[in-house]
Amino acid sequence: MLEKPEIDFIEGPAPAELVITDLVVGGGDQAVPGARVEVHYVGVDFETGEQFDASWDRGQAITFPLSGLIAGWQEGIPGMRVGGRRQLVIPPALAYGESGHRLAGRTLVFVIDLLGVG
């Protein structure tokens, strides 16, 4: 089992497009658009580097359909394989937009461990 990742501060301006980086390439089943996925994740604010959420801190992975998530996850998780770890840098337009959410207008960085697909 992987351990909770540390997310390194990213230098430079926030990207305008989704940035996908495979940190560990998994060897299991592949996630497809709309699949149910089981993941562990850490999310930090791109600008400050401060963590705003982590399934690791709750001590359990979560399972949900990709179709119910922010666009950055819907676009960034398909193609991952079980056992993989991927970093997503998600601009506001693919995250929570510009209003109505505490993370509105923020570029978000997630490190996601794919534990299962269904």
C-alpha atoms as a PDB file:
ATOM      1  CA  MET A   1       0.000   0.000   0.000  1.00  0.00           C
ATOM      2  CA  LEU A   2       1.271   3.426  -0.904  1.00  0.00           C
ATOM      3  CA  GLU A   3       1.649   6.093   1.751  1.00  0.00           C
ATOM      4  CA  LYS A   4       0.095   9.555   1.785  1.00  0.00           C
ATOM      5  CA  PRO A   5       1.978  11.625  -0.778  1.00  0.00           C
ATOM      6  CA  GLU A   6       3.723  14.903  -0.138  1.00  0.00           C
ATOM      7  CA  ILE A   7       2.911  17.410  -2.854  1.00  0.00           C
ATOM      8  CA  ASP A   8       5.865  19.551  -3.842  1.00  0.00           C
ATOM      9  CA  PHE A   9       5.259  23.255  -4.352  1.00  0.00           C
ATOM     10  CA  ILE A  10       5.081  24.005  -8.075  1.00  0.00           C
ATOM     11  CA  GLU A  11       7.073  27.024  -9.241  1.00  0.00           C
ATOM     12  CA  GLY A  12       5.791  29.434 -11.868  1.00  0.00           C
ATOM     13  CA  PRO A  13       2.378  30.592 -12.989  1.00  0.00           C
ATOM     14  CA  ALA A  14      -0.713  28.434 -12.698  1.00  0.00           C
ATOM     15  CA  PRO A  15      -1.452  26.539 -15.927  1.00  0.00           C
ATOM     16  CA  ALA A  16      -4.503  27.478 -17.979  1.00  0.00           C
ATOM     17  CA  GLU A  17      -5.069  23.853 -19.030  1.00  0.00           C
ATOM     18  CA  LEU A  18      -5.307  20.554 -17.159  1.00  0.00           C
ATOM     19  CA  VAL A  19      -1.824  19.119 -16.496  1.00  0.00           C
ATOM     20  CA  ILE A  20      -1.619  15.338 -16.014  1.00  0.00           C
ATOM     21  CA  THR A  21       1.550  13.730 -14.654  1.00  0.00           C
ATOM     22  CA  ASP A  22       1.874  10.018 -13.916  1.00  0.00           C
ATOM     23  CA  LEU A  23       4.018   9.619 -10.797  1.00  0.00           C
ATOM     24  CA  VAL A  24       3.557   5.831 -10.670  1.00  0.00           C
ATOM     25  CA  VAL A  25       2.177   3.848 -13.609  1.00  0.00           C
ATOM     26  CA  GLY A  26      -0.169   1.131 -12.415  1.00  0.00           C
ATOM     27  CA  GLY A  27      -0.449  -2.340 -13.870  1.00  0.00           C
ATOM     28  CA  GLY A  28      -4.098  -3.111 -13.123  1.00  0.00           C
ATOM     29  CA  ASP A  29      -7.439  -2.384 -14.760  1.00  0.00           C
ATOM     30  CA  GLN A  30      -7.769   0.923 -16.572  1.00  0.00           C
ATOM     31  CA  ALA A  31     -10.211   3.651 -15.568  1.00  0.00           C
ATOM     32  CA  VAL A  32     -12.554   4.707 -18.360  1.00  0.00           C
ATOM     33  CA  PRO A  33     -14.792   7.789 -18.629  1.00  0.00           C
ATOM     34  CA  GLY A  34     -17.835   7.451 -16.370  1.00  0.00           C
ATOM     35  CA  ALA A  35     -16.406   4.501 -14.395  1.00  0.00           C
ATOM     36  CA  ARG A  36     -16.774   4.095 -10.637  1.00  0.00           C
ATOM     37  CA  VAL A  37     -13.370   4.532  -9.078  1.00  0.00           C
ATOM     38  CA  GLU A  38     -11.887   3.828  -5.662  1.00  0.00           C
ATOM     39  CA  VAL A  39      -9.202   6.355  -4.800  1.00  0.00           C
ATOM     40  CA  HIS A  40      -7.062   7.883  -2.117  1.00  0.00           C
ATOM     41  CA  TYR A  41      -6.191  11.510  -2.767  1.00  0.00           C
ATOM     42  CA  VAL A  42      -4.607  14.675  -1.430  1.00  0.00           C
ATOM     43  CA  GLY A  43      -5.636  18.111  -2.648  1.00  0.00           C
ATOM     44  CA  VAL A  44      -3.688  21.335  -2.219  1.00  0.00           C
ATOM     45  CA  ASP A  45      -4.096  24.914  -3.387  1.00  0.00           C
ATOM     46  CA  PHE A  46      -1.659  25.627  -6.255  1.00  0.00           C
ATOM     47  CA  GLU A  47      -0.897  29.161  -5.074  1.00  0.00           C
ATOM     48  CA  THR A  48      -0.368  28.528  -1.366  1.00  0.00           C
ATOM     49  CA  GLY A  49       0.533  24.832  -1.301  1.00  0.00           C
ATOM     50  CA  GLU A  50      -1.905  24.394   1.603  1.00  0.00           C
ATOM     51  CA  GLN A  51      -3.834  21.143   1.823  1.00  0.00           C
ATOM     52  CA  PHE A  52      -7.610  21.563   1.671  1.00  0.00           C
ATOM     53  CA  ASP A  53      -8.650  17.902   1.644  1.00  0.00           C
ATOM     54  CA  ALA A  54      -7.213  14.380   1.862  1.00  0.00           C
ATOM     55  CA  SER A  55      -8.937  11.019   2.034  1.00  0.00           C
ATOM     56  CA  TRP A  56      -5.756   9.770   3.745  1.00  0.00           C
ATOM     57  CA  ASP A  57      -6.541  11.947   6.786  1.00  0.00           C
ATOM     58  CA  ARG A  58      -9.919  10.215   7.162  1.00  0.00           C
ATOM     59  CA  GLY A  59      -8.224   6.817   7.081  1.00  0.00           C
ATOM     60  CA  GLN A  60     -10.229   5.373   4.226  1.00  0.00           C
ATOM     61  CA  ALA A  61     -10.396   5.501   0.463  1.00  0.00           C
ATOM     62  CA  ILE A  62     -13.534   6.729  -1.266  1.00  0.00           C
ATOM     63  CA  THR A  63     -15.501   5.278  -4.168  1.00  0.00           C
ATOM     64  CA  PHE A  64     -17.640   7.320  -6.534  1.00  0.00           C
ATOM     65  CA  PRO A  65     -18.660   7.632 -10.202  1.00  0.00           C
ATOM     66  CA  LEU A  66     -16.403   9.906 -12.226  1.00  0.00           C
ATOM     67  CA  SER A  67     -19.489  11.502 -13.782  1.00  0.00           C
ATOM     68  CA  GLY A  68     -20.284  13.168 -10.452  1.00  0.00           C
ATOM     69  CA  LEU A  69     -16.915  14.854 -10.015  1.00  0.00           C
ATOM     70  CA  ILE A  70     -15.274  18.079 -11.139  1.00  0.00           C
ATOM     71  CA  ALA A  71     -14.308  18.167 -14.821  1.00  0.00           C
ATOM     72  CA  GLY A  72     -10.598  17.977 -14.022  1.00  0.00           C
ATOM     73  CA  TRP A  73     -11.103  14.547 -12.432  1.00  0.00           C
ATOM     74  CA  GLN A  74     -13.468  13.426 -15.221  1.00  0.00           C
ATOM     75  CA  GLU A  75     -10.778  14.267 -17.789  1.00  0.00           C
ATOM     76  CA  GLY A  76      -7.705  13.436 -15.694  1.00  0.00           C
ATOM     77  CA  ILE A  77      -8.456   9.976 -14.286  1.00  0.00           C
ATOM     78  CA  PRO A  78      -9.464   7.980 -17.409  1.00  0.00           C
ATOM     79  CA  GLY A  79      -6.431   6.118 -18.717  1.00  0.00           C
ATOM     80  CA  MET A  80      -5.021   5.552 -15.222  1.00  0.00           C
ATOM     81  CA  ARG A  81      -4.453   1.968 -14.194  1.00  0.00           C
ATOM     82  CA  VAL A  82      -5.115   0.458 -10.778  1.00  0.00           C
ATOM     83  CA  GLY A  83      -1.977   0.764  -8.688  1.00  0.00           C
ATOM     84  CA  GLY A  84      -1.071   4.077 -10.307  1.00  0.00           C
ATOM     85  CA  ARG A  85      -0.492   7.490  -8.760  1.00  0.00           C
ATOM     86  CA  ARG A  86      -1.245  10.571 -10.846  1.00  0.00           C
ATOM     87  CA  GLN A  87      -0.909  14.282 -10.210  1.00  0.00           C
ATOM     88  CA  LEU A  88      -3.532  16.612 -11.677  1.00  0.00           C
ATOM     89  CA  VAL A  89      -3.105  20.391 -11.803  1.00  0.00           C
ATOM     90  CA  ILE A  90      -6.608  21.692 -12.425  1.00  0.00           C
ATOM     91  CA  PRO A  91      -7.409  25.286 -13.448  1.00  0.00           C
ATOM     92  CA  PRO A  92     -10.533  26.920 -11.951  1.00  0.00           C
ATOM     93  CA  ALA A  93     -12.637  26.359 -15.087  1.00  0.00           C
ATOM     94  CA  LEU A  94     -12.214  22.574 -14.656  1.00  0.00           C
ATOM     95  CA  ALA A  95     -12.499  22.690 -10.845  1.00  0.00           C
ATOM     96  CA  TYR A  96     -15.097  24.789  -9.015  1.00  0.00           C
ATOM     97  CA  GLY A  97     -15.403  27.721 -11.414  1.00  0.00           C
ATOM     98  CA  GLU A  98     -15.448  31.285 -10.194  1.00  0.00           C
ATOM     99  CA  SER A  99     -18.246  31.451  -7.609  1.00  0.00           C
ATOM    100  CA  GLY A 100     -20.261  29.631  -4.999  1.00  0.00           C
ATOM    101  CA  HIS A 101     -17.633  27.280  -3.559  1.00  0.00           C
ATOM    102  CA  ARG A 102     -14.881  27.882  -1.029  1.00  0.00           C
ATOM    103  CA  LEU A 103     -12.334  26.807  -3.674  1.00  0.00           C
ATOM    104  CA  ALA A 104     -13.855  28.931  -6.457  1.00  0.00           C
ATOM    105  CA  GLY A 105     -11.283  30.687  -8.593  1.00  0.00           C
ATOM    106  CA  ARG A 106      -8.453  28.478  -7.311  1.00  0.00           C
ATOM    107  CA  THR A 107      -6.105  26.258  -9.278  1.00  0.00           C
ATOM    108  CA  LEU A 108      -6.016  22.909  -7.491  1.00  0.00           C
ATOM    109  CA  VAL A 109      -3.370  20.187  -7.325  1.00  0.00           C
ATOM    110  CA  PHE A 110      -4.424  16.625  -6.566  1.00  0.00           C
ATOM    111  CA  VAL A 111      -2.337  13.495  -6.172  1.00  0.00           C
ATOM    112  CA  ILE A 112      -4.625  10.533  -6.752  1.00  0.00           C
ATOM    113  CA  ASP A 113      -3.942   6.849  -6.079  1.00  0.00           C
ATOM    114  CA  LEU A 114      -6.229   4.580  -8.106  1.00  0.00           C
ATOM    115  CA  LEU A 115      -7.127   1.566  -5.964  1.00  0.00           C
ATOM    116  CA  GLY A 116      -9.952   0.063  -8.006  1.00  0.00           C
ATOM    117  CA  VAL A 117     -12.360   0.537 -10.916  1.00  0.00           C
ATOM    118  CA  GLY A 118     -15.855  -0.809 -11.356  1.00  0.00           C
END
